[in-house]
Protein backbone atom coordinates (compact mmCIF):
# COMPACT_ATOMS: atom_id res chain seq x y z
CA MET A 1 -192.24 -26.71 -9.82
CA ASP A 2 -192.51 -22.96 -9.66
CA ASP A 3 -195.38 -21.44 -6.93
CA PRO A 4 -198.55 -20.08 -8.44
CA PRO A 5 -198.48 -16.45 -8.09
CA VAL A 6 -200.46 -15.47 -4.93
CA THR A 7 -203.71 -13.55 -5.54
CA THR A 8 -204.48 -12.09 -2.05
CA GLU A 9 -208.18 -10.93 -3.01
CA ARG A 10 -209.01 -14.28 -4.83
CA ARG A 11 -207.86 -15.93 -1.22
CA LYS A 12 -209.34 -14.47 1.09
CA ALA A 13 -212.04 -16.54 3.23
CA PRO A 14 -215.59 -16.81 2.14
CA ARG A 15 -217.79 -14.37 4.61
CA GLY A 16 -219.67 -16.61 7.14
CA THR A 17 -216.60 -19.19 7.62
CA LEU A 18 -213.72 -17.65 8.40
CA PRO A 19 -212.47 -14.17 9.32
CA SER A 20 -210.83 -12.44 6.62
CA ARG A 21 -207.39 -12.44 8.48
CA PHE A 22 -207.28 -16.06 6.75
CA LEU A 23 -205.98 -16.85 3.21
CA THR A 24 -208.23 -19.59 1.43
CA PHE A 25 -206.37 -21.85 -0.91
CA SER A 26 -208.78 -24.62 -2.91
CA ARG A 27 -207.09 -27.61 -3.21
CA ALA A 28 -205.77 -27.32 -6.30
CA GLU A 29 -203.97 -23.92 -5.43
CA TRP A 30 -202.37 -25.59 -2.46
CA ALA A 31 -200.94 -28.59 -3.99
CA PRO A 32 -198.06 -26.98 -6.17
CA LEU A 33 -196.83 -25.02 -2.87
CA ARG A 34 -195.21 -28.64 -2.19
CA ALA A 35 -192.69 -27.25 -4.31
CA ASN A 36 -189.89 -29.75 -4.49
CA THR A 37 -190.51 -31.55 -1.35
CA PRO A 38 -190.13 -35.28 -1.73
CA LEU A 39 -192.67 -38.30 -1.09
CA THR A 40 -191.48 -40.26 1.73
CA LEU A 41 -194.30 -42.47 2.49
CA SER A 42 -195.07 -45.98 0.39
CA ASP A 43 -198.40 -47.52 -0.01
CA ASP A 44 -197.81 -49.48 3.05
CA ASP A 45 -197.03 -46.75 5.37
CA LEU A 46 -200.14 -44.85 4.25
CA ALA A 47 -202.30 -48.28 5.46
CA ALA A 48 -200.49 -48.22 8.58
CA LEU A 49 -201.29 -44.80 9.42
CA ARG A 50 -204.87 -44.60 8.12
CA GLY A 51 -207.59 -44.54 10.59
CA LEU A 52 -210.57 -46.63 10.86
CA ASN A 53 -212.94 -44.72 9.24
CA ASP A 54 -210.32 -42.51 7.32
CA VAL A 55 -210.51 -42.40 3.48
CA LEU A 56 -207.12 -41.20 3.00
CA SER A 57 -205.13 -41.61 -0.51
CA MET A 58 -201.54 -41.20 -1.79
CA GLU A 59 -203.03 -38.07 -3.56
CA ASP A 60 -204.20 -36.46 -0.42
CA VAL A 61 -200.79 -37.20 0.94
CA VAL A 62 -199.21 -35.41 -2.35
CA GLU A 63 -201.39 -32.55 -2.51
CA ILE A 64 -202.28 -31.61 1.06
CA TYR A 65 -199.63 -32.82 3.82
CA LEU A 66 -196.46 -32.53 1.50
CA PRO A 67 -196.97 -28.77 1.28
CA LEU A 68 -198.19 -28.28 4.79
CA SER A 69 -194.93 -30.60 5.97
CA ARG A 70 -193.03 -27.90 3.65
CA LEU A 71 -194.79 -24.92 5.61
CA LEU A 72 -193.99 -26.63 9.04
CA SER A 73 -190.30 -27.21 7.70
CA LEU A 74 -189.98 -23.43 7.33
CA TYR A 75 -191.92 -22.44 10.51
CA VAL A 76 -189.43 -25.08 12.33
CA GLN A 77 -186.21 -23.20 10.50
CA GLY A 78 -187.40 -19.63 11.41
CA THR A 79 -188.05 -20.54 15.04
CA ARG A 80 -184.59 -22.02 15.60
CA THR A 81 -183.05 -19.21 14.03
CA LEU A 82 -185.07 -17.00 16.31
CA HIS A 83 -184.08 -18.80 19.21
CA GLY A 84 -180.22 -19.24 18.14
CA ALA A 85 -180.32 -15.25 17.87
CA THR A 86 -181.74 -15.29 21.70
CA SER A 87 -179.58 -17.76 23.16
CA THR A 88 -176.48 -16.00 21.55
CA PHE A 89 -177.35 -12.51 22.65
CA LEU A 90 -178.02 -14.07 26.44
CA GLY A 91 -174.94 -16.44 26.06
CA ASP A 92 -177.26 -18.80 26.99
CA ARG A 93 -176.35 -22.56 26.31
CA SER A 94 -178.95 -24.77 27.68
CA ALA A 95 -180.92 -27.50 26.10
CA LYS A 96 -182.60 -27.02 22.89
CA THR A 97 -186.17 -26.07 22.49
CA PRO A 98 -188.61 -28.10 20.89
CA PHE A 99 -191.20 -27.16 18.17
CA ILE A 100 -194.53 -27.74 19.28
CA ILE A 101 -197.64 -28.06 17.30
CA GLY A 102 -200.99 -28.20 18.46
CA LEU A 103 -203.94 -30.00 16.44
CA ALA A 104 -207.45 -29.70 17.37
CA GLY A 105 -210.82 -30.78 15.85
CA SER A 106 -214.02 -32.96 16.75
CA VAL A 107 -214.50 -36.38 17.54
CA ALA A 108 -213.92 -38.43 14.43
CA VAL A 109 -213.00 -35.66 11.94
CA GLY A 110 -209.91 -37.57 11.39
CA LYS A 111 -207.45 -35.43 13.31
CA SER A 112 -205.49 -38.33 14.81
CA THR A 113 -204.85 -39.67 11.08
CA THR A 114 -203.89 -36.38 10.40
CA ALA A 115 -201.23 -36.01 13.16
CA ARG A 116 -199.97 -39.69 12.48
CA ILE A 117 -199.12 -38.60 8.90
CA LEU A 118 -197.68 -35.19 10.24
CA GLN A 119 -195.50 -37.17 12.31
CA ALA A 120 -194.13 -39.70 9.35
CA LEU A 121 -193.45 -36.77 6.95
CA LEU A 122 -192.07 -34.55 9.26
CA SER A 123 -189.31 -37.50 10.60
CA ARG A 124 -188.31 -38.07 7.24
CA TRP A 125 -187.04 -34.65 6.61
CA PRO A 126 -183.31 -34.78 5.19
CA ASP A 127 -182.01 -33.95 8.87
CA HIS A 128 -184.18 -36.64 10.70
CA PRO A 129 -185.23 -34.81 13.47
CA ARG A 130 -187.04 -36.89 16.37
CA VAL A 131 -190.62 -36.11 16.24
CA ASP A 132 -193.38 -37.46 19.20
CA LEU A 133 -196.96 -37.51 18.99
CA ILE A 134 -198.81 -37.08 22.47
CA THR A 135 -202.48 -37.16 22.42
CA THR A 136 -204.54 -35.50 25.39
CA ASP A 137 -206.60 -38.62 25.80
CA GLY A 138 -203.80 -39.59 28.15
CA PHE A 139 -205.06 -36.48 30.14
CA LEU A 140 -208.15 -37.25 30.67
CA LEU A 141 -209.35 -37.80 34.50
CA PRO A 142 -209.50 -41.92 35.56
CA ASN A 143 -213.14 -43.17 35.09
CA ARG A 144 -213.37 -43.38 38.86
CA VAL A 145 -212.32 -39.78 39.22
CA LEU A 146 -215.21 -38.67 36.16
CA GLU A 147 -217.66 -40.73 38.17
CA GLU A 148 -216.98 -39.36 41.53
CA ARG A 149 -217.68 -35.84 40.35
CA GLY A 150 -220.57 -37.00 37.90
CA LEU A 151 -218.82 -36.22 34.65
CA MET A 152 -219.06 -39.58 32.87
CA GLN A 153 -221.36 -38.13 30.42
CA ARG A 154 -218.99 -35.05 30.01
CA LYS A 155 -216.13 -37.11 28.75
CA GLY A 156 -213.87 -34.88 26.50
CA PHE A 157 -215.36 -31.64 27.78
CA PRO A 158 -212.53 -29.29 28.89
CA GLU A 159 -213.56 -30.22 32.76
CA SER A 160 -212.80 -33.83 31.90
CA TYR A 161 -209.01 -33.64 31.68
CA ASP A 162 -206.31 -32.99 33.98
CA ARG A 163 -205.52 -29.60 32.65
CA GLY A 164 -202.55 -28.73 35.36
CA ARG A 165 -200.76 -31.90 34.70
CA LEU A 166 -200.99 -31.27 30.51
CA VAL A 167 -199.84 -27.78 31.36
CA ARG A 168 -197.27 -29.22 33.35
CA PHE A 169 -196.15 -31.88 30.88
CA LEU A 170 -195.69 -29.40 28.03
CA ALA A 171 -194.17 -26.61 30.33
CA ASP A 172 -191.31 -29.49 31.21
CA VAL A 173 -191.11 -30.36 27.36
CA LYS A 174 -190.61 -26.84 26.09
CA SER A 175 -188.15 -26.07 28.75
CA GLY A 176 -185.78 -28.93 27.35
CA ALA A 177 -186.26 -31.43 30.23
CA GLU A 178 -183.93 -34.52 30.07
CA GLU A 179 -187.28 -36.91 30.10
CA VAL A 180 -190.91 -35.98 30.29
CA THR A 181 -193.47 -38.65 30.60
CA ALA A 182 -197.43 -38.59 29.79
CA PRO A 183 -199.95 -40.76 30.89
CA VAL A 184 -201.62 -43.41 28.21
CA TYR A 185 -205.12 -43.76 27.54
CA SER A 186 -206.85 -47.00 26.42
CA HIS A 187 -209.77 -46.93 24.01
CA VAL A 188 -210.70 -50.54 24.43
CA ARG A 189 -210.76 -50.02 28.02
CA TYR A 190 -212.26 -46.45 27.45
CA ASP A 191 -209.94 -45.34 30.59
CA ILE A 192 -206.30 -44.45 31.71
CA ILE A 193 -204.07 -47.39 32.12
CA PRO A 194 -202.73 -47.55 35.61
CA GLY A 195 -198.88 -46.92 35.82
CA ALA A 196 -198.47 -46.57 31.71
CA GLN A 197 -196.58 -43.81 30.52
CA GLN A 198 -195.22 -42.14 27.28
CA THR A 199 -191.73 -41.01 27.58
CA VAL A 200 -190.47 -38.15 25.73
CA ARG A 201 -186.73 -37.61 25.31
CA HIS A 202 -185.02 -34.41 23.70
CA PRO A 203 -187.60 -34.34 21.03
CA ASP A 204 -186.82 -31.62 18.02
CA VAL A 205 -190.79 -31.56 17.56
CA VAL A 206 -193.89 -32.65 19.25
CA ILE A 207 -197.51 -32.74 18.10
CA VAL A 208 -200.12 -32.62 20.50
CA GLU A 209 -203.54 -33.78 19.25
CA GLY A 210 -206.88 -33.83 21.06
CA LEU A 211 -210.32 -32.09 20.99
CA ASN A 212 -210.10 -28.89 23.26
CA VAL A 213 -205.72 -27.91 22.66
CA LEU A 214 -206.83 -24.66 21.37
CA GLN A 215 -208.69 -23.81 24.48
CA ALA A 216 -208.02 -20.23 25.39
CA PRO A 217 -208.54 -18.85 28.99
CA PRO A 218 -211.77 -17.02 29.39
CA ALA A 219 -212.20 -13.14 29.09
CA VAL A 220 -211.86 -12.46 32.73
CA GLY A 221 -210.47 -14.13 36.11
CA ALA A 222 -207.79 -15.98 34.51
CA GLU A 223 -205.15 -13.70 33.85
CA MET A 224 -202.29 -15.59 35.53
CA GLN A 225 -203.45 -19.08 34.14
CA LEU A 226 -201.83 -20.98 31.61
CA PHE A 227 -203.13 -23.20 29.05
CA ALA A 228 -201.95 -25.91 26.58
CA SER A 229 -201.68 -23.46 23.57
CA ASP A 230 -199.90 -21.05 25.00
CA PHE A 231 -196.92 -23.40 24.46
CA PHE A 232 -197.55 -23.97 20.76
CA ASP A 233 -195.42 -22.88 18.21
CA PHE A 234 -197.86 -23.54 15.01
CA SER A 235 -201.60 -25.00 15.50
CA ILE A 236 -203.93 -26.84 12.76
CA TYR A 237 -207.33 -27.40 13.27
CA VAL A 238 -209.38 -30.01 11.01
CA ASP A 239 -212.93 -28.99 9.81
CA ALA A 240 -216.19 -30.21 8.42
CA ASP A 241 -219.52 -29.56 8.49
CA GLU A 242 -221.24 -30.91 11.71
CA GLN A 243 -223.78 -32.97 9.64
CA ILE A 244 -220.93 -34.88 8.08
CA ILE A 245 -218.85 -35.52 10.94
CA GLU A 246 -221.97 -37.05 12.88
CA GLU A 247 -222.13 -39.37 9.95
CA TRP A 248 -218.66 -40.44 10.22
CA TYR A 249 -218.95 -40.90 14.07
CA VAL A 250 -222.18 -43.05 13.16
CA SER A 251 -220.26 -45.26 10.46
CA ARG A 252 -217.18 -45.32 12.76
CA PHE A 253 -219.60 -46.74 15.68
CA MET A 254 -220.88 -49.55 13.40
CA LYS A 255 -217.57 -50.62 12.44
CA LEU A 256 -216.32 -50.66 16.46
CA ARG A 257 -219.63 -52.51 17.20
CA ALA A 258 -218.41 -55.31 14.52
CA THR A 259 -214.61 -55.10 15.76
CA VAL A 260 -213.56 -53.49 18.98
CA PHE A 261 -216.66 -53.98 21.22
CA GLN A 262 -216.82 -57.64 20.45
CA ASP A 263 -214.18 -57.94 22.96
CA PRO A 264 -215.39 -59.11 26.55
CA GLN A 265 -213.03 -56.68 27.96
CA ALA A 266 -214.19 -53.58 25.99
CA TYR A 267 -215.60 -51.10 27.91
CA PHE A 268 -218.56 -50.62 25.25
CA HIS A 269 -219.01 -54.46 24.63
CA ARG A 270 -222.61 -54.30 25.51
CA PHE A 271 -223.04 -52.46 22.45
CA ALA A 272 -221.87 -55.50 20.20
CA SER A 273 -225.18 -57.26 20.40
CA LEU A 274 -227.01 -54.24 19.20
CA SER A 275 -228.92 -54.65 15.82
CA ASP A 276 -227.78 -52.49 13.21
CA GLN A 277 -230.90 -49.88 13.60
CA GLU A 278 -230.36 -49.97 17.63
CA ALA A 279 -226.54 -49.47 16.59
CA ARG A 280 -227.33 -46.48 14.74
CA GLU A 281 -229.62 -44.83 16.90
CA THR A 282 -227.56 -45.43 19.75
CA ALA A 283 -224.70 -43.67 18.21
CA HIS A 284 -226.65 -40.73 17.10
CA ARG A 285 -227.87 -40.20 20.58
CA ILE A 286 -224.74 -40.37 21.69
CA TRP A 287 -223.76 -37.68 19.17
CA ARG A 288 -226.29 -35.62 20.12
CA GLU A 289 -226.12 -35.78 23.98
CA ILE A 290 -221.92 -36.02 24.18
CA ASN A 291 -220.11 -35.22 20.94
CA GLY A 292 -221.98 -32.90 19.07
CA ARG A 293 -222.52 -30.54 22.10
CA ASN A 294 -218.65 -30.71 23.21
CA LEU A 295 -218.09 -29.46 19.41
CA ARG A 296 -220.76 -26.88 19.49
CA GLU A 297 -219.74 -25.52 22.64
CA ASN A 298 -215.87 -25.94 23.56
CA ILE A 299 -214.11 -27.37 20.21
CA LEU A 300 -215.70 -25.29 17.40
CA THR A 301 -214.95 -21.85 19.18
CA THR A 302 -211.37 -22.53 19.21
CA ARG A 303 -211.29 -22.83 15.44
CA THR A 304 -210.28 -19.18 14.66
CA ARG A 305 -207.18 -19.78 17.29
CA ALA A 306 -205.73 -22.19 14.82
CA GLN A 307 -202.88 -20.94 12.58
CA LEU A 308 -204.17 -23.42 9.56
CA VAL A 309 -207.64 -24.81 9.12
CA LEU A 310 -208.00 -28.13 6.72
CA ILE A 311 -211.53 -27.90 5.46
CA LYS A 312 -212.65 -31.56 4.99
CA GLY A 313 -216.04 -32.68 2.30
CA PRO A 314 -218.04 -35.87 2.67
CA GLU A 315 -215.35 -37.78 1.52
CA HIS A 316 -213.19 -36.95 3.94
CA ARG A 317 -211.18 -35.04 1.29
CA VAL A 318 -209.60 -31.70 2.23
CA HIS A 319 -211.12 -29.47 -0.21
CA SER A 320 -209.42 -26.10 1.23
CA VAL A 321 -207.11 -24.58 3.63
CA HIS A 322 -206.98 -21.54 5.56
CA LEU A 323 -204.03 -19.89 6.54
CA ARG A 324 -204.16 -17.02 9.21
CA ARG A 325 -202.29 -14.25 8.05
CA VAL A 326 -199.10 -13.67 9.90
């Protein structure tokens, strides 16, 4: 199918949403940009990739994620060509440089499902690249450290992460290290698993998913400081109205109360016996005091740093795509 003509003026981002350096595509405009990219996921694949509270259909894959997969493929090819030209010029035959994608967004917005869908699609490209997915939850400080520092109520805020370790991990991956390890986080235990590691070996593509991965240095005083975003070749932000995200968070909390929280070993087992009303009130309070604050103060402020923004509506469906002009 031929791509539709691009009308730049029509696709400027509406005032009050994203800066004019973004092109805005409706779902209907974005879908044909898939071109001939094949659908490689089955219904069973999709069921395994879907998050606890996500409403994700094969239509979403075809109309949103296949075009995005094609765009990323073009970026990867272009980056490889650039690296090849530089290596030829320098006579450098060192290890290949992985393409790193940063994926950010609020708690409960569906970024983990987006990351898993992209990993599945990218790993099915014709050349069968190795695609690793890393979540920054593994780089949270252990609970005992957070408690010592008085940060348990700010878990997920930038200061609750071992940012130095995350940057070292990304630097090693980007340099083509033979083997790089990342710590592993348990959402059941709500803590780092002692001694557990995820190993990354010579990836072609790495997706790094997390709340604050697009964080930038402050305006002054950090000229020599590196951040995770410095290592990204492409970045994505998953977005929705805060009131909608809060309802998704509450809905997910209710489902967890009936499932994961029932486990006596679960950190939040104490919430399992709450009544429906008590559970909803608790979820809204946690959102107001922690997740909503983190979104407004730290996460949302990084949205315009992304190269592509996916905007979701109440049904968890992406209704528009904002692509930053090159």
